[in-house]
Amino acid sequence: VDLSRAAQLFHALSDETRLGILEMLRSGERCVCD
């Protein structure tokens, strides 16, 4: 595992809003306005 890449990925997931965005995108593509 590339530790720098892993840190980048984990950092991106370290925020509740970003996790919420990913949760919303689980069902497919979404418009930014949605």
PDB file of all heavy atoms in Angstrom:
ATOM      1  N   VAL A   1       0.833  -1.188   0.000  1.00  0.00           N
ATOM      2  CA  VAL A   1       0.000   0.000   0.000  1.00  0.00           C
ATOM      3  C   VAL A   1       0.873   1.245   0.000  1.00  0.00           C
ATOM      4  O   VAL A   1       1.835   1.345   0.764  1.00  0.00           O
ATOM      5  CB  VAL A   1      -0.932  -0.013   1.227  1.00  0.00           C
ATOM      6  CG1 VAL A   1      -1.692   1.293   1.352  1.00  0.00           C
ATOM      7  CG2 VAL A   1      -1.893  -1.179   1.130  1.00  0.00           C
ATOM      8  N   ASP A   2       0.550   2.184  -0.855  1.00  0.00           N
ATOM      9  CA  ASP A   2       1.204   3.483  -0.912  1.00  0.00           C
ATOM     10  C   ASP A   2       0.663   4.301   0.255  1.00  0.00           C
ATOM     11  O   ASP A   2      -0.508   4.689   0.265  1.00  0.00           O
ATOM     12  CB  ASP A   2       0.893   4.138  -2.259  1.00  0.00           C
ATOM     13  CG  ASP A   2       1.444   5.524  -2.408  1.00  0.00           C
ATOM     14  OD1 ASP A   2       1.852   6.150  -1.403  1.00  0.00           O
ATOM     15  OD2 ASP A   2       1.466   6.007  -3.553  1.00  0.00           O
ATOM     16  N   LEU A   3       1.489   4.554   1.261  1.00  0.00           N
ATOM     17  CA  LEU A   3       1.028   5.229   2.470  1.00  0.00           C
ATOM     18  C   LEU A   3       0.550   6.649   2.194  1.00  0.00           C
ATOM     19  O   LEU A   3      -0.406   7.114   2.807  1.00  0.00           O
ATOM     20  CB  LEU A   3       2.123   5.227   3.528  1.00  0.00           C
ATOM     21  CG  LEU A   3       2.498   3.854   4.074  1.00  0.00           C
ATOM     22  CD1 LEU A   3       3.614   3.985   5.103  1.00  0.00           C
ATOM     23  CD2 LEU A   3       1.297   3.147   4.664  1.00  0.00           C
ATOM     24  N   SER A   4       1.183   7.335   1.269  1.00  0.00           N
ATOM     25  CA  SER A   4       0.759   8.684   0.924  1.00  0.00           C
ATOM     26  C   SER A   4      -0.640   8.657   0.312  1.00  0.00           C
ATOM     27  O   SER A   4      -1.504   9.477   0.649  1.00  0.00           O
ATOM     28  CB  SER A   4       1.761   9.309  -0.050  1.00  0.00           C
ATOM     29  OG  SER A   4       1.325  10.580  -0.455  1.00  0.00           O
ATOM     30  N   ARG A   5      -0.883   7.706  -0.560  1.00  0.00           N
ATOM     31  CA  ARG A   5      -2.199   7.563  -1.189  1.00  0.00           C
ATOM     32  C   ARG A   5      -3.244   7.175  -0.145  1.00  0.00           C
ATOM     33  O   ARG A   5      -4.359   7.696  -0.135  1.00  0.00           O
ATOM     34  CB  ARG A   5      -2.119   6.512  -2.312  1.00  0.00           C
ATOM     35  CG  ARG A   5      -3.439   6.201  -2.954  1.00  0.00           C
ATOM     36  CD  ARG A   5      -3.964   7.368  -3.773  1.00  0.00           C
ATOM     37  NE  ARG A   5      -5.216   6.982  -4.415  1.00  0.00           N
ATOM     38  CZ  ARG A   5      -6.286   7.748  -4.488  1.00  0.00           C
ATOM     39  NH1 ARG A   5      -6.254   8.968  -4.010  1.00  0.00           N
ATOM     40  NH2 ARG A   5      -7.377   7.321  -5.059  1.00  0.00           N
ATOM     41  N   ALA A   6      -2.875   6.254   0.744  1.00  0.00           N
ATOM     42  CA  ALA A   6      -3.797   5.841   1.799  1.00  0.00           C
ATOM     43  C   ALA A   6      -4.168   7.037   2.673  1.00  0.00           C
ATOM     44  O   ALA A   6      -5.339   7.223   3.012  1.00  0.00           O
ATOM     45  CB  ALA A   6      -3.188   4.726   2.641  1.00  0.00           C
ATOM     46  N   ALA A   7      -3.186   7.868   3.020  1.00  0.00           N
ATOM     47  CA  ALA A   7      -3.453   9.053   3.836  1.00  0.00           C
ATOM     48  C   ALA A   7      -4.409   9.999   3.116  1.00  0.00           C
ATOM     49  O   ALA A   7      -5.325  10.573   3.735  1.00  0.00           O
ATOM     50  CB  ALA A   7      -2.151   9.763   4.185  1.00  0.00           C
ATOM     51  N   GLN A   8      -4.231  10.158   1.814  1.00  0.00           N
ATOM     52  CA  GLN A   8      -5.115  11.018   1.031  1.00  0.00           C
ATOM     53  C   GLN A   8      -6.553  10.491   1.057  1.00  0.00           C
ATOM     54  O   GLN A   8      -7.507  11.251   1.250  1.00  0.00           O
ATOM     55  CB  GLN A   8      -4.614  11.123  -0.403  1.00  0.00           C
ATOM     56  CG  GLN A   8      -5.442  12.036  -1.279  1.00  0.00           C
ATOM     57  CD  GLN A   8      -4.983  12.028  -2.731  1.00  0.00           C
ATOM     58  OE1 GLN A   8      -4.535  11.011  -3.247  1.00  0.00           O
ATOM     59  NE2 GLN A   8      -5.090  13.176  -3.375  1.00  0.00           N
ATOM     60  N   LEU A   9      -6.704   9.194   0.880  1.00  0.00           N
ATOM     61  CA  LEU A   9      -8.040   8.584   0.897  1.00  0.00           C
ATOM     62  C   LEU A   9      -8.685   8.707   2.274  1.00  0.00           C
ATOM     63  O   LEU A   9      -9.846   9.110   2.390  1.00  0.00           O
ATOM     64  CB  LEU A   9      -7.957   7.118   0.480  1.00  0.00           C
ATOM     65  CG  LEU A   9      -7.643   6.860  -0.988  1.00  0.00           C
ATOM     66  CD1 LEU A   9      -7.278   5.395  -1.206  1.00  0.00           C
ATOM     67  CD2 LEU A   9      -8.810   7.268  -1.870  1.00  0.00           C
ATOM     68  N   PHE A  10      -7.933   8.375   3.321  1.00  0.00           N
ATOM     69  CA  PHE A  10      -8.492   8.435   4.668  1.00  0.00           C
ATOM     70  C   PHE A  10      -8.820   9.874   5.061  1.00  0.00           C
ATOM     71  O   PHE A  10      -9.821  10.131   5.728  1.00  0.00           O
ATOM     72  CB  PHE A  10      -7.566   7.788   5.690  1.00  0.00           C
ATOM     73  CG  PHE A  10      -7.503   6.287   5.565  1.00  0.00           C
ATOM     74  CD1 PHE A  10      -6.289   5.636   5.456  1.00  0.00           C
ATOM     75  CD2 PHE A  10      -8.655   5.516   5.562  1.00  0.00           C
ATOM     76  CE1 PHE A  10      -6.223   4.263   5.352  1.00  0.00           C
ATOM     77  CE2 PHE A  10      -8.611   4.135   5.453  1.00  0.00           C
ATOM     78  CZ  PHE A  10      -7.387   3.505   5.344  1.00  0.00           C
ATOM     79  N   HIS A  11      -7.983  10.828   4.652  1.00  0.00           N
ATOM     80  CA  HIS A  11      -8.270  12.238   4.925  1.00  0.00           C
ATOM     81  C   HIS A  11      -9.596  12.647   4.278  1.00  0.00           C
ATOM     82  O   HIS A  11     -10.416  13.331   4.900  1.00  0.00           O
ATOM     83  CB  HIS A  11      -7.150  13.148   4.426  1.00  0.00           C
ATOM     84  CG  HIS A  11      -7.548  14.592   4.421  1.00  0.00           C
ATOM     85  ND1 HIS A  11      -7.671  15.336   5.575  1.00  0.00           N
ATOM     86  CD2 HIS A  11      -7.900  15.414   3.410  1.00  0.00           C
ATOM     87  CE1 HIS A  11      -8.080  16.557   5.266  1.00  0.00           C
ATOM     88  NE2 HIS A  11      -8.216  16.630   3.961  1.00  0.00           N
ATOM     89  N   ALA A  12      -9.797  12.223   3.041  1.00  0.00           N
ATOM     90  CA  ALA A  12     -11.026  12.582   2.334  1.00  0.00           C
ATOM     91  C   ALA A  12     -12.257  12.040   3.051  1.00  0.00           C
ATOM     92  O   ALA A  12     -13.337  12.624   2.960  1.00  0.00           O
ATOM     93  CB  ALA A  12     -10.977  12.073   0.893  1.00  0.00           C
ATOM     94  N   LEU A  13     -12.106  10.960   3.788  1.00  0.00           N
ATOM     95  CA  LEU A  13     -13.231  10.359   4.504  1.00  0.00           C
ATOM     96  C   LEU A  13     -13.348  10.839   5.945  1.00  0.00           C
ATOM     97  O   LEU A  13     -14.235  10.402   6.669  1.00  0.00           O
ATOM     98  CB  LEU A  13     -13.090   8.835   4.502  1.00  0.00           C
ATOM     99  CG  LEU A  13     -13.162   8.173   3.132  1.00  0.00           C
ATOM    100  CD1 LEU A  13     -12.953   6.679   3.271  1.00  0.00           C
ATOM    101  CD2 LEU A  13     -14.464   8.480   2.442  1.00  0.00           C
ATOM    102  N   SER A  14     -12.479  11.751   6.348  1.00  0.00           N
ATOM    103  CA  SER A  14     -12.427  12.148   7.757  1.00  0.00           C
ATOM    104  C   SER A  14     -13.400  13.260   8.113  1.00  0.00           C
ATOM    105  O   SER A  14     -13.248  13.904   9.149  1.00  0.00           O
ATOM    106  CB  SER A  14     -11.002  12.570   8.122  1.00  0.00           C
ATOM    107  OG  SER A  14     -10.662  13.788   7.463  1.00  0.00           O
ATOM    108  N   ASP A  15     -14.385  13.485   7.286  1.00  0.00           N
ATOM    109  CA  ASP A  15     -15.340  14.548   7.535  1.00  0.00           C
ATOM    110  C   ASP A  15     -16.757  14.015   7.334  1.00  0.00           C
ATOM    111  O   ASP A  15     -17.037  13.320   6.352  1.00  0.00           O
ATOM    112  CB  ASP A  15     -15.079  15.719   6.586  1.00  0.00           C
ATOM    113  CG  ASP A  15     -16.028  16.866   6.827  1.00  0.00           C
ATOM    114  OD1 ASP A  15     -15.699  17.731   7.654  1.00  0.00           O
ATOM    115  OD2 ASP A  15     -17.107  16.875   6.200  1.00  0.00           O
ATOM    116  N   GLU A  16     -17.642  14.351   8.258  1.00  0.00           N
ATOM    117  CA  GLU A  16     -19.015  13.855   8.208  1.00  0.00           C
ATOM    118  C   GLU A  16     -19.757  14.307   6.944  1.00  0.00           C
ATOM    119  O   GLU A  16     -20.532  13.541   6.363  1.00  0.00           O
ATOM    120  CB  GLU A  16     -19.762  14.324   9.449  1.00  0.00           C
ATOM    121  CG  GLU A  16     -21.108  13.682   9.628  1.00  0.00           C
ATOM    122  CD  GLU A  16     -21.744  14.062  10.954  1.00  0.00           C
ATOM    123  OE1 GLU A  16     -21.037  14.449  11.889  1.00  0.00           O
ATOM    124  OE2 GLU A  16     -22.982  13.959  11.032  1.00  0.00           O
ATOM    125  N   THR A  17     -19.504  15.526   6.498  1.00  0.00           N
ATOM    126  CA  THR A  17     -20.168  16.010   5.280  1.00  0.00           C
ATOM    127  C   THR A  17     -19.720  15.211   4.070  1.00  0.00           C
ATOM    128  O   THR A  17     -20.537  14.818   3.232  1.00  0.00           O
ATOM    129  CB  THR A  17     -19.876  17.518   5.060  1.00  0.00           C
ATOM    130  OG1 THR A  17     -20.397  18.248   6.168  1.00  0.00           O
ATOM    131  CG2 THR A  17     -20.505  18.020   3.771  1.00  0.00           C
ATOM    132  N   ARG A  18     -18.422  14.923   3.976  1.00  0.00           N
ATOM    133  CA  ARG A  18     -17.923  14.148   2.834  1.00  0.00           C
ATOM    134  C   ARG A  18     -18.469  12.723   2.867  1.00  0.00           C
ATOM    135  O   ARG A  18     -18.804  12.151   1.825  1.00  0.00           O
ATOM    136  CB  ARG A  18     -16.400  14.196   2.786  1.00  0.00           C
ATOM    137  CG  ARG A  18     -15.903  15.604   2.473  1.00  0.00           C
ATOM    138  CD  ARG A  18     -14.441  15.651   2.144  1.00  0.00           C
ATOM    139  NE  ARG A  18     -13.539  15.459   3.246  1.00  0.00           N
ATOM    140  CZ  ARG A  18     -13.027  16.421   4.011  1.00  0.00           C
ATOM    141  NH1 ARG A  18     -13.366  17.680   3.810  1.00  0.00           N
ATOM    142  NH2 ARG A  18     -12.182  16.147   4.973  1.00  0.00           N
ATOM    143  N   LEU A  19     -18.571  12.153   4.057  1.00  0.00           N
ATOM    144  CA  LEU A  19     -19.187  10.821   4.162  1.00  0.00           C
ATOM    145  C   LEU A  19     -20.656  10.880   3.749  1.00  0.00           C
ATOM    146  O   LEU A  19     -21.155   9.971   3.089  1.00  0.00           O
ATOM    147  CB  LEU A  19     -19.054  10.281   5.586  1.00  0.00           C
ATOM    148  CG  LEU A  19     -17.646   9.871   6.009  1.00  0.00           C
ATOM    149  CD1 LEU A  19     -17.608   9.557   7.505  1.00  0.00           C
ATOM    150  CD2 LEU A  19     -17.151   8.695   5.185  1.00  0.00           C
ATOM    151  N   GLY A  20     -21.329  11.954   4.106  1.00  0.00           N
ATOM    152  CA  GLY A  20     -22.722  12.132   3.701  1.00  0.00           C
ATOM    153  C   GLY A  20     -22.864  12.231   2.193  1.00  0.00           C
ATOM    154  O   GLY A  20     -23.800  11.681   1.607  1.00  0.00           O
ATOM    155  N   ILE A  21     -21.927  12.931   1.562  1.00  0.00           N
ATOM    156  CA  ILE A  21     -21.940  13.035   0.092  1.00  0.00           C
ATOM    157  C   ILE A  21     -21.792  11.653  -0.532  1.00  0.00           C
ATOM    158  O   ILE A  21     -22.545  11.284  -1.429  1.00  0.00           O
ATOM    159  CB  ILE A  21     -20.829  13.983  -0.396  1.00  0.00           C
ATOM    160  CG1 ILE A  21     -21.139  15.428   0.014  1.00  0.00           C
ATOM    161  CG2 ILE A  21     -20.645  13.877  -1.905  1.00  0.00           C
ATOM    162  CD1 ILE A  21     -19.967  16.387  -0.159  1.00  0.00           C
ATOM    163  N   LEU A  22     -20.828  10.881  -0.031  1.00  0.00           N
ATOM    164  CA  LEU A  22     -20.632   9.533  -0.576  1.00  0.00           C
ATOM    165  C   LEU A  22     -21.859   8.659  -0.339  1.00  0.00           C
ATOM    166  O   LEU A  22     -22.250   7.880  -1.216  1.00  0.00           O
ATOM    167  CB  LEU A  22     -19.381   8.889   0.027  1.00  0.00           C
ATOM    168  CG  LEU A  22     -18.055   9.501  -0.414  1.00  0.00           C
ATOM    169  CD1 LEU A  22     -16.905   8.864   0.345  1.00  0.00           C
ATOM    170  CD2 LEU A  22     -17.866   9.377  -1.914  1.00  0.00           C
ATOM    171  N   GLU A  23     -22.475   8.799   0.816  1.00  0.00           N
ATOM    172  CA  GLU A  23     -23.693   8.032   1.100  1.00  0.00           C
ATOM    173  C   GLU A  23     -24.774   8.371   0.076  1.00  0.00           C
ATOM    174  O   GLU A  23     -25.458   7.485  -0.431  1.00  0.00           O
ATOM    175  CB  GLU A  23     -24.187   8.335   2.525  1.00  0.00           C
ATOM    176  CG  GLU A  23     -25.475   7.635   2.890  1.00  0.00           C
ATOM    177  CD  GLU A  23     -25.363   6.126   2.951  1.00  0.00           C
ATOM    178  OE1 GLU A  23     -24.274   5.600   3.249  1.00  0.00           O
ATOM    179  OE2 GLU A  23     -26.383   5.467   2.686  1.00  0.00           O
ATOM    180  N   MET A  24     -24.914   9.648  -0.241  1.00  0.00           N
ATOM    181  CA  MET A  24     -25.915  10.058  -1.219  1.00  0.00           C
ATOM    182  C   MET A  24     -25.591   9.540  -2.618  1.00  0.00           C
ATOM    183  O   MET A  24     -26.488   9.235  -3.398  1.00  0.00           O
ATOM    184  CB  MET A  24     -26.027  11.581  -1.252  1.00  0.00           C
ATOM    185  CG  MET A  24     -26.654  12.153   0.012  1.00  0.00           C
ATOM    186  SD  MET A  24     -26.613  13.950   0.034  1.00  0.00           S
ATOM    187  CE  MET A  24     -27.614  14.328  -1.385  1.00  0.00           C
ATOM    188  N   LEU A  25     -24.311   9.420  -2.924  1.00  0.00           N
ATOM    189  CA  LEU A  25     -23.896   8.980  -4.260  1.00  0.00           C
ATOM    190  C   LEU A  25     -23.932   7.461  -4.418  1.00  0.00           C
ATOM    191  O   LEU A  25     -23.763   6.961  -5.533  1.00  0.00           O
ATOM    192  CB  LEU A  25     -22.498   9.515  -4.586  1.00  0.00           C
ATOM    193  CG  LEU A  25     -22.387  11.036  -4.691  1.00  0.00           C
ATOM    194  CD1 LEU A  25     -20.933  11.441  -4.932  1.00  0.00           C
ATOM    195  CD2 LEU A  25     -23.292  11.587  -5.782  1.00  0.00           C
ATOM    196  N   ARG A  26     -24.145   6.742  -3.329  1.00  0.00           N
ATOM    197  CA  ARG A  26     -24.215   5.276  -3.415  1.00  0.00           C
ATOM    198  C   ARG A  26     -25.286   4.814  -4.387  1.00  0.00           C
ATOM    199  O   ARG A  26     -25.137   3.787  -5.042  1.00  0.00           O
ATOM    200  CB  ARG A  26     -24.490   4.664  -2.041  1.00  0.00           C
ATOM    201  CG  ARG A  26     -23.304   4.697  -1.118  1.00  0.00           C
ATOM    202  CD  ARG A  26     -23.605   4.057   0.216  1.00  0.00           C
ATOM    203  NE  ARG A  26     -24.014   2.677   0.022  1.00  0.00           N
ATOM    204  CZ  ARG A  26     -24.857   2.030   0.822  1.00  0.00           C
ATOM    205  NH1 ARG A  26     -25.394   2.636   1.844  1.00  0.00           N
ATOM    206  NH2 ARG A  26     -25.161   0.781   0.584  1.00  0.00           N
ATOM    207  N   SER A  27     -26.373   5.566  -4.473  1.00  0.00           N
ATOM    208  CA  SER A  27     -27.474   5.156  -5.340  1.00  0.00           C
ATOM    209  C   SER A  27     -27.264   5.589  -6.786  1.00  0.00           C
ATOM    210  O   SER A  27     -28.083   5.280  -7.646  1.00  0.00           O
ATOM    211  CB  SER A  27     -28.795   5.717  -4.814  1.00  0.00           C
ATOM    212  OG  SER A  27     -28.748   7.133  -4.784  1.00  0.00           O
ATOM    213  N   GLY A  28     -26.174   6.296  -7.058  1.00  0.00           N
ATOM    214  CA  GLY A  28     -25.876   6.706  -8.423  1.00  0.00           C
ATOM    215  C   GLY A  28     -25.547   8.184  -8.521  1.00  0.00           C
ATOM    216  O   GLY A  28     -25.507   8.903  -7.531  1.00  0.00           O
ATOM    217  N   GLU A  29     -25.325   8.602  -9.729  1.00  0.00           N
ATOM    218  CA  GLU A  29     -24.937   9.978 -10.029  1.00  0.00           C
ATOM    219  C   GLU A  29     -25.988  10.964  -9.524  1.00  0.00           C
ATOM    220  O   GLU A  29     -27.184  10.718  -9.628  1.00  0.00           O
ATOM    221  CB  GLU A  29     -24.774  10.102 -11.544  1.00  0.00           C
ATOM    222  CG  GLU A  29     -24.290  11.431 -12.016  1.00  0.00           C
ATOM    223  CD  GLU A  29     -24.121  11.449 -13.524  1.00  0.00           C
ATOM    224  OE1 GLU A  29     -25.151  11.522 -14.226  1.00  0.00           O
ATOM    225  OE2 GLU A  29     -22.977  11.379 -13.973  1.00  0.00           O
ATOM    226  N   ARG A  30     -25.504  12.088  -8.976  1.00  0.00           N
ATOM    227  CA  ARG A  30     -26.408  13.126  -8.467  1.00  0.00           C
ATOM    228  C   ARG A  30     -25.945  14.496  -8.927  1.00  0.00           C
ATOM    229  O   ARG A  30     -24.744  14.775  -8.996  1.00  0.00           O
ATOM    230  CB  ARG A  30     -26.435  13.128  -6.938  1.00  0.00           C
ATOM    231  CG  ARG A  30     -26.870  11.852  -6.273  1.00  0.00           C
ATOM    232  CD  ARG A  30     -28.363  11.596  -6.321  1.00  0.00           C
ATOM    233  NE  ARG A  30     -29.140  12.563  -5.592  1.00  0.00           N
ATOM    234  CZ  ARG A  30     -29.534  12.426  -4.337  1.00  0.00           C
ATOM    235  NH1 ARG A  30     -29.219  11.334  -3.661  1.00  0.00           N
ATOM    236  NH2 ARG A  30     -30.270  13.356  -3.767  1.00  0.00           N
ATOM    237  N   CYS A  31     -26.896  15.365  -9.181  1.00  0.00           N
ATOM    238  CA  CYS A  31     -26.623  16.749  -9.532  1.00  0.00           C
ATOM    239  C   CYS A  31     -26.156  17.484  -8.271  1.00  0.00           C
ATOM    240  O   CYS A  31     -26.646  17.221  -7.171  1.00  0.00           O
ATOM    241  CB  CYS A  31     -27.888  17.403 -10.085  1.00  0.00           C
ATOM    242  SG  CYS A  31     -27.677  19.153 -10.467  1.00  0.00           S
ATOM    243  N   VAL A  32     -25.231  18.397  -8.451  1.00  0.00           N
ATOM    244  CA  VAL A  32     -24.723  19.143  -7.310  1.00  0.00           C
ATOM    245  C   VAL A  32     -25.841  19.910  -6.609  1.00  0.00           C
ATOM    246  O   VAL A  32     -25.822  20.073  -5.386  1.00  0.00           O
ATOM    247  CB  VAL A  32     -23.541  20.061  -7.722  1.00  0.00           C
ATOM    248  CG1 VAL A  32     -24.018  21.234  -8.550  1.00  0.00           C
ATOM    249  CG2 VAL A  32     -22.771  20.536  -6.513  1.00  0.00           C
ATOM    250  N   CYS A  33     -26.838  20.350  -7.347  1.00  0.00           N
ATOM    251  CA  CYS A  33     -27.957  21.070  -6.718  1.00  0.00           C
ATOM    252  C   CYS A  33     -28.734  20.152  -5.780  1.00  0.00           C
ATOM    253  O   CYS A  33     -29.203  20.584  -4.720  1.00  0.00           O
ATOM    254  CB  CYS A  33     -28.867  21.704  -7.763  1.00  0.00           C
ATOM    255  SG  CYS A  33     -29.651  20.535  -8.869  1.00  0.00           S
ATOM    256  N   ASP A  34     -28.863  18.868  -6.131  1.00  0.00           N
ATOM    257  CA  ASP A  34     -29.528  17.898  -5.250  1.00  0.00           C
ATOM    258  C   ASP A  34     -28.715  17.663  -3.982  1.00  0.00           C
ATOM    259  O   ASP A  34     -29.266  17.575  -2.882  1.00  0.00           O
ATOM    260  CB  ASP A  34     -29.746  16.566  -5.959  1.00  0.00           C
ATOM    261  CG  ASP A  34     -30.743  16.647  -7.095  1.00  0.00           C
ATOM    262  OD1 ASP A  34     -31.619  17.540  -7.065  1.00  0.00           O
ATOM    263  OD2 ASP A  34     -30.632  15.821  -8.022  1.00  0.00           O
TER     264      ASP A  34
END
